[in-house]
Amino acid sequence: MLVSFAKALEGRKVSPLGRVRAAGAWRAAASDGDRDAALKALVQEAEDFGADAVVDVRFETDAVGADIDGAPRSRLSASGLAVRFAA
């Protein structure tokens, strides 16, 4: 599975399948593994749709408006465009 932060894969013709998104767990504080976990979940989501690659990958932080047990919660999510290589 190819993953790219660019909007297109240079030299490759692709057919878009649709946007995919995956989110990590809600946490009181971000950890170093959150980005990797969100990206791994995004790749799995794209594979489930039969994609060969995910392009235009972006990361976002979602936050809960209210504190839970005195600590605000947030999670990192990844999104991108799942594509299939054109024949």
Foldseek 3Di string as FASTA:
>chain_A
DAEELAQDDPPFDKDWPFKDKFKDDKDLDDDPCQVVVQVVVRVVRLVVSVFPYWYNKDKDKDWDPDADPNGTIIIIMIMTIGIHTDD
